[in-house]
Amino acid sequence: MLSNTNIFITSSIYDLNKKYKDLSEYGAFVAIPNRYRIILKNINKETLNNDIIQLIGLVNYMYQQGPGSITDAIYWFDGKQFYKVIHNTSKGMIKLPDKLVQKLK
């Protein structure tokens, strides 16, 4: 997690591939719940289901707590681009980007 009391920490998302050198072969989940934090979670094929469920809960909590809430969205970062992870907690639905699903096969 990148965290800082500087409200400009979230702008480092644009240089994520330079700042975050330990990207797994499957990429990472990324979220920006508020102006002080960027959450990064390397994808591990064996723990992916548990990791994404925990991440959704954490992001929703941090987004609601603020301050300066930005989004409760979660993205997959493949080292070059961001792809939105579609999730609806009330329906228990999670849809990973098609490119990530292909990479995990």
Protein backbone atom coordinates (compact mmCIF):
# COMPACT_ATOMS: atom_id res chain seq x y z
CA MET A 1 0.00 0.00 0.00
CA LEU A 2 1.28 3.43 -0.87
CA SER A 3 0.18 5.80 1.86
CA ASN A 4 1.09 9.35 2.70
CA THR A 5 -0.42 12.41 4.33
CA ASN A 6 0.37 14.29 1.13
CA ILE A 7 -2.82 14.50 -0.94
CA PHE A 8 -0.77 14.09 -4.12
CA ILE A 9 0.17 10.45 -3.34
CA THR A 10 -2.61 9.29 -5.64
CA SER A 11 -0.97 11.01 -8.62
CA SER A 12 1.81 8.42 -8.40
CA ILE A 13 -0.63 6.01 -10.05
CA TYR A 14 0.61 7.43 -13.36
CA ASP A 15 4.14 6.15 -12.66
CA LEU A 16 3.10 2.89 -11.07
CA ASN A 17 5.16 0.73 -13.41
CA LYS A 18 8.27 2.68 -12.35
CA LYS A 19 7.52 2.84 -8.62
CA TYR A 20 6.25 -0.71 -8.16
CA LYS A 21 9.04 -3.04 -9.27
CA ASP A 22 7.79 -6.29 -7.66
CA LEU A 23 4.85 -6.92 -9.97
CA SER A 24 3.91 -10.61 -10.16
CA GLU A 25 3.65 -12.41 -13.50
CA TYR A 26 -0.15 -12.01 -13.25
CA GLY A 27 -0.03 -8.32 -12.36
CA ALA A 28 -1.64 -6.64 -9.39
CA PHE A 29 -4.99 -5.40 -8.15
CA VAL A 30 -5.00 -1.63 -7.63
CA ALA A 31 -7.44 0.64 -5.84
CA ILE A 32 -7.53 4.32 -4.87
CA PRO A 33 -10.15 4.50 -2.10
CA ASN A 34 -9.19 7.97 -0.86
CA ARG A 35 -6.76 10.79 -1.43
CA TYR A 36 -4.13 9.35 0.92
CA ARG A 37 -3.82 5.76 -0.29
CA ILE A 38 -3.15 3.55 -3.26
CA ILE A 39 -3.70 -0.12 -2.53
CA LEU A 40 -1.59 -2.61 -4.50
CA LYS A 41 -2.00 -6.37 -4.17
CA ASN A 42 0.12 -8.68 -6.26
CA ILE A 43 -1.95 -11.45 -7.81
CA ASN A 44 -1.15 -14.93 -6.57
CA LYS A 45 -2.98 -17.59 -8.59
CA GLU A 46 -3.44 -19.87 -5.56
CA THR A 47 -4.96 -17.21 -3.25
CA LEU A 48 -6.72 -15.05 -5.85
CA ASN A 49 -10.31 -15.78 -4.74
CA ASN A 50 -9.64 -15.01 -1.08
CA ASP A 51 -7.46 -12.00 -1.94
CA ILE A 52 -10.06 -10.29 -4.14
CA ILE A 53 -12.83 -10.78 -1.56
CA GLN A 54 -10.67 -9.30 1.20
CA LEU A 55 -9.59 -6.46 -1.07
CA ILE A 56 -13.18 -5.55 -1.94
CA GLY A 57 -14.00 -5.34 1.78
CA LEU A 58 -10.92 -3.24 2.56
CA VAL A 59 -11.48 -0.85 -0.34
CA ASN A 60 -15.16 -0.37 0.51
CA TYR A 61 -14.29 0.33 4.15
CA MET A 62 -11.53 2.82 3.31
CA TYR A 63 -13.70 4.51 0.70
CA GLN A 64 -16.53 5.01 3.20
CA GLN A 65 -14.19 6.20 5.96
CA GLY A 66 -12.43 8.82 3.82
CA PRO A 67 -11.25 11.46 4.11
CA GLY A 68 -11.34 12.57 0.51
CA SER A 69 -12.98 9.44 -0.89
CA ILE A 70 -12.17 8.87 -4.57
CA THR A 71 -13.57 5.52 -5.73
CA ASP A 72 -14.42 2.03 -4.49
CA ALA A 73 -13.44 0.56 -7.88
CA ILE A 74 -10.70 -2.06 -8.18
CA TYR A 75 -8.50 -2.42 -11.23
CA TRP A 76 -6.14 -5.03 -12.59
CA PHE A 77 -2.77 -3.58 -13.56
CA ASP A 78 -0.80 -5.75 -16.01
CA GLY A 79 2.31 -3.57 -15.91
CA LYS A 80 1.13 -1.31 -18.73
CA GLN A 81 -2.62 -0.78 -18.53
CA PHE A 82 -5.47 -0.75 -16.02
CA TYR A 83 -8.59 -2.89 -16.49
CA LYS A 84 -11.64 -2.54 -14.27
CA VAL A 85 -12.66 -5.47 -12.05
CA ILE A 86 -16.45 -5.48 -12.00
CA HIS A 87 -17.91 -6.31 -8.61
CA ASN A 88 -21.24 -6.01 -6.87
CA THR A 89 -21.00 -7.05 -3.23
CA SER A 90 -24.76 -7.05 -2.65
CA LYS A 91 -25.17 -9.63 -5.44
CA GLY A 92 -21.94 -11.50 -4.63
CA MET A 93 -20.70 -10.96 -8.17
CA ILE A 94 -17.09 -10.50 -9.29
CA LYS A 95 -16.00 -10.40 -12.93
CA LEU A 96 -12.31 -10.29 -13.69
CA PRO A 97 -11.10 -8.72 -16.94
CA ASP A 98 -11.02 -11.24 -19.81
CA LYS A 99 -7.29 -10.71 -20.38
CA LEU A 100 -6.56 -11.63 -16.75
CA VAL A 101 -8.74 -14.74 -16.98
CA GLN A 102 -6.80 -15.82 -20.09
CA LYS A 103 -3.47 -15.19 -18.37
CA LEU A 104 -4.52 -17.29 -15.35
CA LYS A 105 -5.34 -20.35 -17.51
